[in-house]
Amino acid sequence: MSGTKEIRNKIRSVQNTSKITKAMEMVAASKMRKAQDRMSAGRPYAEKVRQIAAHLMQANPEYKHPYMVERSEVKGVGIVVVTTDKGLCGGLNTNLMRLVLERISSFQSQGVQVQATAIGNKGLGTLSRINTNIVSQETQLGDVPNLERLIGAIKVQMDDFLEGKIDAVYIATSRFINTMRQEPSFVRLLPLPSGLSDPWQEGDTLASGEAEIKSEYGWDYLYEPDAKGVIDDLLLRYVEALVYQAVAENMASEQSARMVAMKAASDNAKEVISELQLEYNKTRQAAITKEISEIVGGAAAV
């Protein structure tokens, strides 16, 4: 059994750790509200621009953008992986990377080449360890997503898609459900999906076999000043909206997961301190009893 001094040192150490986790919990709780508000504010716009893009795929426009053309054969894909820069947020990154690695393994088993864009340190580290072809990266985004930096990171994937080097682009992120629940999502960004199904379900939009919600009537549009200018701008907004929303969802998930993880760590620290305090009291009582026994024995001998 440990001595009283060692136990006191352990208690002091756990108490110091508990102070840190409690402070981190409060900081995460403060940031979580802002991140959730930012994520919620972006959802309606991302959903609407996605619906318009899906309607456009069901229409017969005068101009067909390369983002709207389904490739007959998929020989290469690009994956944009959105993770956090920091740890201490539970299994958030682990769950997402498990899904990403499963999809990469599935693509490679079919002979499809994979290249990746890493947004966040955690994803970058994991992809580097498995020797994935990383064509671009962006880290240290802070607490507010910067659209210019994000577009700069994924432009390599967009250019490769236009040049025919890859035939599809996917984006993986953690979707925010509520404070206690975040789900990993892997969805297709390009080419555009033709259905109106929820883009943030787990699995790619078309290949997973999920049912598409198609309109009972066709869509047709009048373009001013011309079809090419309108469609080019629309699809640029489509890509920007989905990438920004993916990062916003991940940031809201990060702060929520970190707050929950730090609260659990603080609660565990209290339990450990309670157990150590009980052990300390038992050890101290045993030492006092031993001393009293020695004094009584010495007095009796005298």
C-alpha atoms as a PDB file:
ATOM      1  CA  MET A   1       0.000   0.000   0.000  1.00  0.00           C
ATOM      2  CA  SER A   2       1.266   3.482  -0.889  1.00  0.00           C
ATOM      3  CA  GLY A   3       2.369   5.835   1.841  1.00  0.00           C
ATOM      4  CA  THR A   4       0.360   8.870   2.881  1.00  0.00           C
ATOM      5  CA  LYS A   5       2.794  11.243   1.192  1.00  0.00           C
ATOM      6  CA  GLU A   6       2.518   9.449  -2.155  1.00  0.00           C
ATOM      7  CA  ILE A   7      -1.271   9.423  -1.915  1.00  0.00           C
ATOM      8  CA  ARG A   8      -1.328  13.154  -1.117  1.00  0.00           C
ATOM      9  CA  ASN A   9       0.822  13.787  -4.193  1.00  0.00           C
ATOM     10  CA  LYS A  10      -1.560  11.745  -6.343  1.00  0.00           C
ATOM     11  CA  ILE A  11      -4.561  13.653  -5.001  1.00  0.00           C
ATOM     12  CA  ARG A  12      -2.861  16.979  -5.693  1.00  0.00           C
ATOM     13  CA  SER A  13      -1.973  15.864  -9.225  1.00  0.00           C
ATOM     14  CA  VAL A  14      -5.536  14.750 -10.020  1.00  0.00           C
ATOM     15  CA  GLN A  15      -6.911  17.987  -8.562  1.00  0.00           C
ATOM     16  CA  ASN A  16      -4.643  20.021 -10.856  1.00  0.00           C
ATOM     17  CA  THR A  17      -5.777  17.954 -13.851  1.00  0.00           C
ATOM     18  CA  SER A  18      -9.389  18.448 -12.818  1.00  0.00           C
ATOM     19  CA  LYS A  19      -8.910  22.225 -12.800  1.00  0.00           C
ATOM     20  CA  ILE A  20      -7.567  22.083 -16.374  1.00  0.00           C
ATOM     21  CA  THR A  21     -10.381  19.886 -17.685  1.00  0.00           C
ATOM     22  CA  LYS A  22     -12.985  22.079 -15.972  1.00  0.00           C
ATOM     23  CA  ALA A  23     -11.506  25.194 -17.565  1.00  0.00           C
ATOM     24  CA  MET A  24     -11.422  23.512 -20.976  1.00  0.00           C
ATOM     25  CA  GLU A  25     -15.040  22.428 -20.535  1.00  0.00           C
ATOM     26  CA  MET A  26     -16.107  26.017 -19.840  1.00  0.00           C
ATOM     27  CA  VAL A  27     -14.130  27.369 -22.816  1.00  0.00           C
ATOM     28  CA  ALA A  28     -15.624  24.719 -25.130  1.00  0.00           C
ATOM     29  CA  ALA A  29     -19.129  25.497 -23.842  1.00  0.00           C
ATOM     30  CA  SER A  30     -18.595  29.182 -24.621  1.00  0.00           C
ATOM     31  CA  LYS A  31     -17.307  28.479 -28.137  1.00  0.00           C
ATOM     32  CA  MET A  32     -19.922  25.795 -28.780  1.00  0.00           C
ATOM     33  CA  ARG A  33     -22.845  28.221 -28.791  1.00  0.00           C
ATOM     34  CA  LYS A  34     -21.216  30.494 -31.373  1.00  0.00           C
ATOM     35  CA  ALA A  35     -20.193  27.531 -33.530  1.00  0.00           C
ATOM     36  CA  GLN A  36     -23.710  26.083 -33.403  1.00  0.00           C
ATOM     37  CA  ASP A  37     -25.269  29.424 -34.329  1.00  0.00           C
ATOM     38  CA  ARG A  38     -22.865  29.770 -37.266  1.00  0.00           C
ATOM     39  CA  MET A  39     -23.612  26.233 -38.416  1.00  0.00           C
ATOM     40  CA  SER A  40     -27.394  26.671 -38.083  1.00  0.00           C
ATOM     41  CA  ALA A  41     -27.297  29.969 -39.975  1.00  0.00           C
ATOM     42  CA  GLY A  42     -25.506  28.337 -42.915  1.00  0.00           C
ATOM     43  CA  ARG A  43     -27.745  25.274 -43.238  1.00  0.00           C
ATOM     44  CA  PRO A  44     -30.736  26.923 -45.017  1.00  0.00           C
ATOM     45  CA  TYR A  45     -28.492  28.513 -47.660  1.00  0.00           C
ATOM     46  CA  ALA A  46     -26.529  25.291 -48.250  1.00  0.00           C
ATOM     47  CA  GLU A  47     -29.762  23.298 -48.509  1.00  0.00           C
ATOM     48  CA  LYS A  48     -31.355  25.754 -50.952  1.00  0.00           C
ATOM     49  CA  VAL A  49     -28.349  25.978 -53.266  1.00  0.00           C
ATOM     50  CA  ARG A  50     -28.114  22.182 -53.231  1.00  0.00           C
ATOM     51  CA  GLN A  51     -31.786  21.900 -54.189  1.00  0.00           C
ATOM     52  CA  ILE A  52     -31.353  24.345 -57.057  1.00  0.00           C
ATOM     53  CA  ALA A  53     -28.327  22.406 -58.289  1.00  0.00           C
ATOM     54  CA  ALA A  54     -30.298  19.135 -58.097  1.00  0.00           C
ATOM     55  CA  HIS A  55     -33.204  20.736 -60.002  1.00  0.00           C
ATOM     56  CA  LEU A  56     -30.723  21.906 -62.600  1.00  0.00           C
ATOM     57  CA  MET A  57     -29.581  18.303 -63.099  1.00  0.00           C
ATOM     58  CA  GLN A  58     -33.211  17.317 -63.842  1.00  0.00           C
ATOM     59  CA  ALA A  59     -33.677  20.182 -66.294  1.00  0.00           C
ATOM     60  CA  ASN A  60     -32.438  20.467 -69.867  1.00  0.00           C
ATOM     61  CA  PRO A  61     -30.228  23.541 -69.754  1.00  0.00           C
ATOM     62  CA  GLU A  62     -28.787  25.097 -72.874  1.00  0.00           C
ATOM     63  CA  TYR A  63     -25.304  24.775 -71.379  1.00  0.00           C
ATOM     64  CA  LYS A  64     -23.878  21.693 -69.619  1.00  0.00           C
ATOM     65  CA  HIS A  65     -21.177  22.490 -67.080  1.00  0.00           C
ATOM     66  CA  PRO A  66     -18.496  19.778 -66.509  1.00  0.00           C
ATOM     67  CA  TYR A  67     -19.649  19.539 -62.883  1.00  0.00           C
ATOM     68  CA  MET A  68     -23.001  18.241 -64.180  1.00  0.00           C
ATOM     69  CA  VAL A  69     -21.602  15.457 -66.373  1.00  0.00           C
ATOM     70  CA  GLU A  70     -21.633  11.942 -64.920  1.00  0.00           C
ATOM     71  CA  ARG A  71     -18.477  10.051 -65.882  1.00  0.00           C
ATOM     72  CA  SER A  72     -19.033   6.678 -67.561  1.00  0.00           C
ATOM     73  CA  GLU A  73     -16.094   5.118 -65.724  1.00  0.00           C
ATOM     74  CA  VAL A  74     -14.537   6.137 -62.427  1.00  0.00           C
ATOM     75  CA  LYS A  75     -10.762   5.663 -62.481  1.00  0.00           C
ATOM     76  CA  GLY A  76      -9.804   8.198 -59.810  1.00  0.00           C
ATOM     77  CA  VAL A  77     -11.492  10.064 -56.969  1.00  0.00           C
ATOM     78  CA  GLY A  78     -10.603  12.972 -54.733  1.00  0.00           C
ATOM     79  CA  ILE A  79     -11.548  13.058 -51.058  1.00  0.00           C
ATOM     80  CA  VAL A  80     -11.703  16.233 -48.954  1.00  0.00           C
ATOM     81  CA  VAL A  81     -11.296  15.183 -45.310  1.00  0.00           C
ATOM     82  CA  VAL A  82     -12.444  17.740 -42.706  1.00  0.00           C
ATOM     83  CA  THR A  83     -11.135  17.080 -39.187  1.00  0.00           C
ATOM     84  CA  THR A  84     -10.096  19.146 -36.182  1.00  0.00           C
ATOM     85  CA  ASP A  85      -6.721  20.765 -35.571  1.00  0.00           C
ATOM     86  CA  LYS A  86      -6.723  19.860 -31.877  1.00  0.00           C
ATOM     87  CA  GLY A  87      -7.515  16.717 -29.953  1.00  0.00           C
ATOM     88  CA  LEU A  88      -9.284  16.113 -26.633  1.00  0.00           C
ATOM     89  CA  CYS A  89     -12.688  15.860 -28.328  1.00  0.00           C
ATOM     90  CA  GLY A  90     -13.582  12.233 -27.667  1.00  0.00           C
ATOM     91  CA  GLY A  91     -13.954   9.863 -30.593  1.00  0.00           C
ATOM     92  CA  LEU A  92     -14.941  12.579 -33.095  1.00  0.00           C
ATOM     93  CA  ASN A  93     -11.894  12.287 -35.354  1.00  0.00           C
ATOM     94  CA  THR A  94     -11.481   8.548 -34.779  1.00  0.00           C
ATOM     95  CA  ASN A  95     -15.006   7.778 -35.983  1.00  0.00           C
ATOM     96  CA  LEU A  96     -14.652   9.979 -39.050  1.00  0.00           C
ATOM     97  CA  MET A  97     -11.249   8.611 -40.057  1.00  0.00           C
ATOM     98  CA  ARG A  98     -12.496   5.041 -39.597  1.00  0.00           C
ATOM     99  CA  LEU A  99     -15.209   5.780 -42.169  1.00  0.00           C
ATOM    100  CA  VAL A 100     -12.753   7.514 -44.516  1.00  0.00           C
ATOM    101  CA  LEU A 101     -10.256   4.633 -44.336  1.00  0.00           C
ATOM    102  CA  GLU A 102     -13.039   2.143 -45.096  1.00  0.00           C
ATOM    103  CA  ARG A 103     -14.009   4.132 -48.200  1.00  0.00           C
ATOM    104  CA  ILE A 104     -10.400   4.507 -49.325  1.00  0.00           C
ATOM    105  CA  SER A 105      -9.898   0.750 -48.942  1.00  0.00           C
ATOM    106  CA  SER A 106     -13.105   0.126 -50.909  1.00  0.00           C
ATOM    107  CA  PHE A 107     -12.000   2.419 -53.752  1.00  0.00           C
ATOM    108  CA  GLN A 108      -8.539   0.874 -53.916  1.00  0.00           C
ATOM    109  CA  SER A 109      -9.941  -2.657 -53.983  1.00  0.00           C
ATOM    110  CA  GLN A 110     -11.871  -1.642 -57.126  1.00  0.00           C
ATOM    111  CA  GLY A 111      -8.716  -0.285 -58.750  1.00  0.00           C
ATOM    112  CA  VAL A 112      -9.703   3.378 -58.261  1.00  0.00           C
ATOM    113  CA  GLN A 113      -6.892   5.817 -57.529  1.00  0.00           C
ATOM    114  CA  VAL A 114      -7.425   8.052 -54.497  1.00  0.00           C
ATOM    115  CA  GLN A 115      -6.036  11.507 -53.785  1.00  0.00           C
ATOM    116  CA  ALA A 116      -6.888  13.535 -50.710  1.00  0.00           C
ATOM    117  CA  THR A 117      -7.149  17.080 -49.416  1.00  0.00           C
ATOM    118  CA  ALA A 118      -6.683  17.373 -45.658  1.00  0.00           C
ATOM    119  CA  ILE A 119      -8.441  20.168 -43.772  1.00  0.00           C
ATOM    120  CA  GLY A 120      -7.292  19.910 -40.154  1.00  0.00           C
ATOM    121  CA  ASN A 121      -4.196  18.481 -38.462  1.00  0.00           C
ATOM    122  CA  LYS A 122      -5.743  15.231 -37.264  1.00  0.00           C
ATOM    123  CA  GLY A 123      -6.834  14.099 -40.711  1.00  0.00           C
ATOM    124  CA  LEU A 124      -3.529  15.210 -42.208  1.00  0.00           C
ATOM    125  CA  GLY A 125      -1.585  13.104 -39.711  1.00  0.00           C
ATOM    126  CA  THR A 126      -3.668   9.974 -40.305  1.00  0.00           C
ATOM    127  CA  LEU A 127      -3.569  10.273 -44.102  1.00  0.00           C
ATOM    128  CA  SER A 128       0.198  10.823 -44.007  1.00  0.00           C
ATOM    129  CA  ARG A 129       0.725   7.691 -41.903  1.00  0.00           C
ATOM    130  CA  ILE A 130      -1.063   5.487 -44.444  1.00  0.00           C
ATOM    131  CA  ASN A 131       0.847   7.095 -47.343  1.00  0.00           C
ATOM    132  CA  THR A 132      -2.224   8.580 -49.034  1.00  0.00           C
ATOM    133  CA  ASN A 133      -1.569  10.886 -51.965  1.00  0.00           C
ATOM    134  CA  ILE A 134      -2.207  14.295 -50.337  1.00  0.00           C
ATOM    135  CA  VAL A 135      -2.482  16.947 -53.055  1.00  0.00           C
ATOM    136  CA  SER A 136      -3.353  19.897 -50.794  1.00  0.00           C
ATOM    137  CA  GLN A 137      -3.887  20.742 -47.143  1.00  0.00           C
ATOM    138  CA  GLU A 138      -5.115  23.501 -44.855  1.00  0.00           C
ATOM    139  CA  THR A 139      -4.607  23.553 -41.094  1.00  0.00           C
ATOM    140  CA  GLN A 140      -4.971  25.951 -38.153  1.00  0.00           C
ATOM    141  CA  LEU A 141      -8.330  27.332 -39.303  1.00  0.00           C
ATOM    142  CA  GLY A 142      -9.155  28.796 -35.898  1.00  0.00           C
ATOM    143  CA  ASP A 143     -12.684  29.073 -34.549  1.00  0.00           C
ATOM    144  CA  VAL A 144     -14.233  30.721 -37.627  1.00  0.00           C
ATOM    145  CA  PRO A 145     -14.023  29.084 -41.091  1.00  0.00           C
ATOM    146  CA  ASN A 146     -12.346  31.257 -43.714  1.00  0.00           C
ATOM    147  CA  LEU A 147     -13.915  30.576 -47.107  1.00  0.00           C
ATOM    148  CA  GLU A 148     -10.940  31.883 -49.084  1.00  0.00           C
ATOM    149  CA  ARG A 149      -8.556  29.465 -47.379  1.00  0.00           C
ATOM    150  CA  LEU A 150     -10.985  26.583 -47.842  1.00  0.00           C
ATOM    151  CA  ILE A 151     -11.519  27.238 -51.534  1.00  0.00           C
ATOM    152  CA  GLY A 152      -7.768  27.532 -51.991  1.00  0.00           C
ATOM    153  CA  ALA A 153      -7.316  24.087 -50.471  1.00  0.00           C
ATOM    154  CA  ILE A 154      -9.933  22.300 -52.592  1.00  0.00           C
ATOM    155  CA  LYS A 155      -9.139  24.137 -55.849  1.00  0.00           C
ATOM    156  CA  VAL A 156      -6.572  21.456 -56.643  1.00  0.00           C
ATOM    157  CA  GLN A 157      -9.316  18.820 -56.548  1.00  0.00           C
ATOM    158  CA  MET A 158     -11.658  20.967 -58.658  1.00  0.00           C
ATOM    159  CA  ASP A 159      -8.982  21.566 -61.288  1.00  0.00           C
ATOM    160  CA  ASP A 160      -8.104  17.871 -61.435  1.00  0.00           C
ATOM    161  CA  PHE A 161     -11.790  17.045 -61.906  1.00  0.00           C
ATOM    162  CA  LEU A 162     -12.101  19.508 -64.781  1.00  0.00           C
ATOM    163  CA  GLU A 163      -8.931  18.132 -66.383  1.00  0.00           C
ATOM    164  CA  GLY A 164     -10.208  14.559 -66.110  1.00  0.00           C
ATOM    165  CA  LYS A 165      -7.523  13.355 -63.696  1.00  0.00           C
ATOM    166  CA  ILE A 166     -10.251  12.324 -61.247  1.00  0.00           C
ATOM    167  CA  ASP A 167     -13.870  11.423 -61.959  1.00  0.00           C
ATOM    168  CA  ALA A 168     -15.555  12.290 -58.634  1.00  0.00           C
ATOM    169  CA  VAL A 169     -14.927  14.405 -55.557  1.00  0.00           C
ATOM    170  CA  TYR A 170     -16.171  13.424 -52.100  1.00  0.00           C
ATOM    171  CA  ILE A 171     -16.159  15.320 -48.824  1.00  0.00           C
ATOM    172  CA  ALA A 172     -15.970  13.722 -45.368  1.00  0.00           C
ATOM    173  CA  THR A 173     -16.945  15.622 -42.233  1.00  0.00           C
ATOM    174  CA  SER A 174     -18.633  15.208 -38.860  1.00  0.00           C
ATOM    175  CA  ARG A 175     -22.281  16.193 -39.033  1.00  0.00           C
ATOM    176  CA  PHE A 176     -23.699  17.953 -35.972  1.00  0.00           C
ATOM    177  CA  ILE A 177     -26.904  16.286 -34.713  1.00  0.00           C
ATOM    178  CA  ASN A 178     -27.047  17.654 -31.177  1.00  0.00           C
ATOM    179  CA  THR A 179     -24.684  18.386 -28.307  1.00  0.00           C
ATOM    180  CA  MET A 180     -24.365  14.715 -27.383  1.00  0.00           C
ATOM    181  CA  ARG A 181     -24.353  13.255 -30.882  1.00  0.00           C
ATOM    182  CA  GLN A 182     -22.184  13.856 -33.943  1.00  0.00           C
ATOM    183  CA  GLU A 183     -22.164  11.552 -36.959  1.00  0.00           C
ATOM    184  CA  PRO A 184     -19.410  10.967 -39.537  1.00  0.00           C
ATOM    185  CA  SER A 185     -20.604  11.718 -43.082  1.00  0.00           C
ATOM    186  CA  PHE A 186     -19.117  10.877 -46.478  1.00  0.00           C
ATOM    187  CA  VAL A 187     -20.942  12.530 -49.381  1.00  0.00           C
ATOM    188  CA  ARG A 188     -20.325  13.211 -53.045  1.00  0.00           C
ATOM    189  CA  LEU A 189     -19.547  16.779 -53.977  1.00  0.00           C
ATOM    190  CA  LEU A 190     -18.922  16.355 -57.720  1.00  0.00           C
ATOM    191  CA  PRO A 191     -20.426  15.571 -60.128  1.00  0.00           C
ATOM    192  CA  LEU A 192     -23.717  16.982 -58.938  1.00  0.00           C
ATOM    193  CA  PRO A 193     -26.271  14.520 -57.555  1.00  0.00           C
ATOM    194  CA  SER A 194     -29.459  14.285 -59.597  1.00  0.00           C
ATOM    195  CA  GLY A 195     -31.743  13.623 -56.593  1.00  0.00           C
ATOM    196  CA  LEU A 196     -32.869  15.690 -53.633  1.00  0.00           C
ATOM    197  CA  SER A 197     -31.904  13.218 -50.912  1.00  0.00           C
ATOM    198  CA  ASP A 198     -30.252  14.457 -47.731  1.00  0.00           C
ATOM    199  CA  PRO A 199     -26.597  15.085 -48.648  1.00  0.00           C
ATOM    200  CA  TRP A 200     -25.349  14.622 -45.087  1.00  0.00           C
ATOM    201  CA  GLN A 201     -26.343  11.012 -44.689  1.00  0.00           C
ATOM    202  CA  GLU A 202     -23.552   8.534 -44.195  1.00  0.00           C
ATOM    203  CA  GLY A 203     -22.502   7.112 -47.568  1.00  0.00           C
ATOM    204  CA  ASP A 204     -22.031   8.767 -50.932  1.00  0.00           C
ATOM    205  CA  THR A 205     -25.160  10.243 -52.443  1.00  0.00           C
ATOM    206  CA  LEU A 206     -25.617   7.914 -55.407  1.00  0.00           C
ATOM    207  CA  ALA A 207     -23.459   4.866 -54.794  1.00  0.00           C
ATOM    208  CA  SER A 208     -24.980   3.885 -51.449  1.00  0.00           C
ATOM    209  CA  GLY A 209     -28.330   3.006 -53.005  1.00  0.00           C
ATOM    210  CA  GLU A 210     -30.357   5.452 -50.933  1.00  0.00           C
ATOM    211  CA  ALA A 211     -33.639   6.534 -52.450  1.00  0.00           C
ATOM    212  CA  GLU A 212     -33.642   9.801 -54.343  1.00  0.00           C
ATOM    213  CA  ILE A 213     -36.477  12.266 -54.024  1.00  0.00           C
ATOM    214  CA  LYS A 214     -37.299  13.307 -57.560  1.00  0.00           C
ATOM    215  CA  SER A 215     -39.869  15.833 -58.650  1.00  0.00           C
ATOM    216  CA  GLU A 216     -42.952  14.683 -60.499  1.00  0.00           C
ATOM    217  CA  TYR A 217     -42.456  17.469 -63.012  1.00  0.00           C
ATOM    218  CA  GLY A 218     -39.484  18.684 -65.009  1.00  0.00           C
ATOM    219  CA  TRP A 219     -37.537  21.830 -64.259  1.00  0.00           C
ATOM    220  CA  ASP A 220     -36.795  24.489 -66.804  1.00  0.00           C
ATOM    221  CA  TYR A 221     -35.246  27.912 -66.367  1.00  0.00           C
ATOM    222  CA  LEU A 222     -34.812  31.127 -68.246  1.00  0.00           C
ATOM    223  CA  TYR A 223     -31.281  32.472 -67.908  1.00  0.00           C
ATOM    224  CA  GLU A 224     -30.322  36.121 -67.888  1.00  0.00           C
ATOM    225  CA  PRO A 225     -27.993  37.298 -69.314  1.00  0.00           C
ATOM    226  CA  ASP A 226     -26.946  33.823 -70.576  1.00  0.00           C
ATOM    227  CA  ALA A 227     -27.014  30.184 -69.433  1.00  0.00           C
ATOM    228  CA  LYS A 228     -23.228  29.796 -69.161  1.00  0.00           C
ATOM    229  CA  GLY A 229     -22.704  32.784 -66.857  1.00  0.00           C
ATOM    230  CA  VAL A 230     -25.616  31.883 -64.560  1.00  0.00           C
ATOM    231  CA  ILE A 231     -24.768  28.164 -64.297  1.00  0.00           C
ATOM    232  CA  ASP A 232     -21.052  28.794 -63.757  1.00  0.00           C
ATOM    233  CA  ASP A 233     -21.803  31.187 -60.882  1.00  0.00           C
ATOM    234  CA  LEU A 234     -24.436  28.861 -59.412  1.00  0.00           C
ATOM    235  CA  LEU A 235     -22.129  25.844 -59.347  1.00  0.00           C
ATOM    236  CA  LEU A 236     -19.329  27.921 -57.832  1.00  0.00           C
ATOM    237  CA  ARG A 237     -21.725  28.925 -55.031  1.00  0.00           C
ATOM    238  CA  TYR A 238     -22.787  25.281 -54.714  1.00  0.00           C
ATOM    239  CA  VAL A 239     -19.221  24.109 -54.081  1.00  0.00           C
ATOM    240  CA  GLU A 240     -18.463  27.012 -51.734  1.00  0.00           C
ATOM    241  CA  ALA A 241     -21.669  26.485 -49.741  1.00  0.00           C
ATOM    242  CA  LEU A 242     -21.181  22.757 -49.209  1.00  0.00           C
ATOM    243  CA  VAL A 243     -17.499  23.069 -48.294  1.00  0.00           C
ATOM    244  CA  TYR A 244     -18.149  25.956 -45.895  1.00  0.00           C
ATOM    245  CA  GLN A 245     -21.076  24.103 -44.320  1.00  0.00           C
ATOM    246  CA  ALA A 246     -18.986  20.943 -43.930  1.00  0.00           C
ATOM    247  CA  VAL A 247     -16.338  22.879 -41.991  1.00  0.00           C
ATOM    248  CA  ALA A 248     -18.981  24.717 -39.943  1.00  0.00           C
ATOM    249  CA  GLU A 249     -20.635  21.389 -39.046  1.00  0.00           C
ATOM    250  CA  ASN A 250     -17.257  19.965 -38.032  1.00  0.00           C
ATOM    251  CA  MET A 251     -16.409  22.983 -35.842  1.00  0.00           C
ATOM    252  CA  ALA A 252     -19.768  22.788 -34.047  1.00  0.00           C
ATOM    253  CA  SER A 253     -19.233  19.047 -33.565  1.00  0.00           C
ATOM    254  CA  GLU A 254     -15.701  19.650 -32.263  1.00  0.00           C
ATOM    255  CA  GLN A 255     -16.717  22.097 -29.536  1.00  0.00           C
ATOM    256  CA  SER A 256     -19.672  19.950 -28.472  1.00  0.00           C
ATOM    257  CA  ALA A 257     -17.578  16.782 -28.349  1.00  0.00           C
ATOM    258  CA  ARG A 258     -14.803  18.562 -26.441  1.00  0.00           C
ATOM    259  CA  MET A 259     -17.225  19.963 -23.869  1.00  0.00           C
ATOM    260  CA  VAL A 260     -18.734  16.512 -23.282  1.00  0.00           C
ATOM    261  CA  ALA A 261     -15.299  14.860 -23.127  1.00  0.00           C
ATOM    262  CA  MET A 262     -13.929  17.421 -20.666  1.00  0.00           C
ATOM    263  CA  LYS A 263     -17.034  17.130 -18.485  1.00  0.00           C
ATOM    264  CA  ALA A 264     -16.580  13.363 -18.402  1.00  0.00           C
ATOM    265  CA  ALA A 265     -12.897  13.846 -17.528  1.00  0.00           C
ATOM    266  CA  SER A 266     -13.800  16.243 -14.691  1.00  0.00           C
ATOM    267  CA  ASP A 267     -16.379  13.803 -13.331  1.00  0.00           C
ATOM    268  CA  ASN A 268     -13.871  10.943 -13.493  1.00  0.00           C
ATOM    269  CA  ALA A 269     -11.311  13.096 -11.673  1.00  0.00           C
ATOM    270  CA  LYS A 270     -13.794  13.649  -8.832  1.00  0.00           C
ATOM    271  CA  GLU A 271     -14.309   9.892  -8.523  1.00  0.00           C
ATOM    272  CA  VAL A 272     -10.556   9.247  -8.513  1.00  0.00           C
ATOM    273  CA  ILE A 273     -10.016  11.929  -5.853  1.00  0.00           C
ATOM    274  CA  SER A 274     -12.771  10.384  -3.730  1.00  0.00           C
ATOM    275  CA  GLU A 275     -11.161   6.933  -3.991  1.00  0.00           C
ATOM    276  CA  LEU A 276      -7.702   8.307  -3.224  1.00  0.00           C
ATOM    277  CA  GLN A 277      -9.062  10.262  -0.259  1.00  0.00           C
ATOM    278  CA  LEU A 278     -10.625   7.086   1.128  1.00  0.00           C
ATOM    279  CA  GLU A 279      -7.361   5.203   0.659  1.00  0.00           C
ATOM    280  CA  TYR A 280      -5.472   8.081   2.310  1.00  0.00           C
ATOM    281  CA  ASN A 281      -7.796   7.997   5.341  1.00  0.00           C
ATOM    282  CA  LYS A 282      -7.407   4.225   5.685  1.00  0.00           C
ATOM    283  CA  THR A 283      -3.622   4.449   5.440  1.00  0.00           C
ATOM    284  CA  ARG A 284      -3.481   7.318   7.939  1.00  0.00           C
ATOM    285  CA  GLN A 285      -5.801   5.485  10.341  1.00  0.00           C
ATOM    286  CA  ALA A 286      -3.663   2.346  10.102  1.00  0.00           C
ATOM    287  CA  ALA A 287      -0.534   4.368  10.851  1.00  0.00           C
ATOM    288  CA  ILE A 288      -2.169   6.032  13.879  1.00  0.00           C
ATOM    289  CA  THR A 289      -3.430   2.673  15.158  1.00  0.00           C
ATOM    290  CA  LYS A 290       0.052   1.230  14.817  1.00  0.00           C
ATOM    291  CA  GLU A 291       1.583   4.131  16.751  1.00  0.00           C
ATOM    292  CA  ILE A 292      -1.004   3.789  19.549  1.00  0.00           C
ATOM    293  CA  SER A 293      -0.345   0.054  19.740  1.00  0.00           C
ATOM    294  CA  GLU A 294       3.392   0.679  20.059  1.00  0.00           C
ATOM    295  CA  ILE A 295       2.824   3.289  22.817  1.00  0.00           C
ATOM    296  CA  VAL A 296       0.467   0.986  24.724  1.00  0.00           C
ATOM    297  CA  GLY A 297       2.872  -1.919  24.330  1.00  0.00           C
ATOM    298  CA  GLY A 298       5.771   0.200  25.581  1.00  0.00           C
ATOM    299  CA  ALA A 299       3.776   1.437  28.573  1.00  0.00           C
ATOM    300  CA  ALA A 300       2.789  -2.103  29.468  1.00  0.00           C
ATOM    301  CA  ALA A 301       6.398  -3.240  29.302  1.00  0.00           C
ATOM    302  CA  VAL A 302       7.434  -0.457  31.686  1.00  0.00           C
END
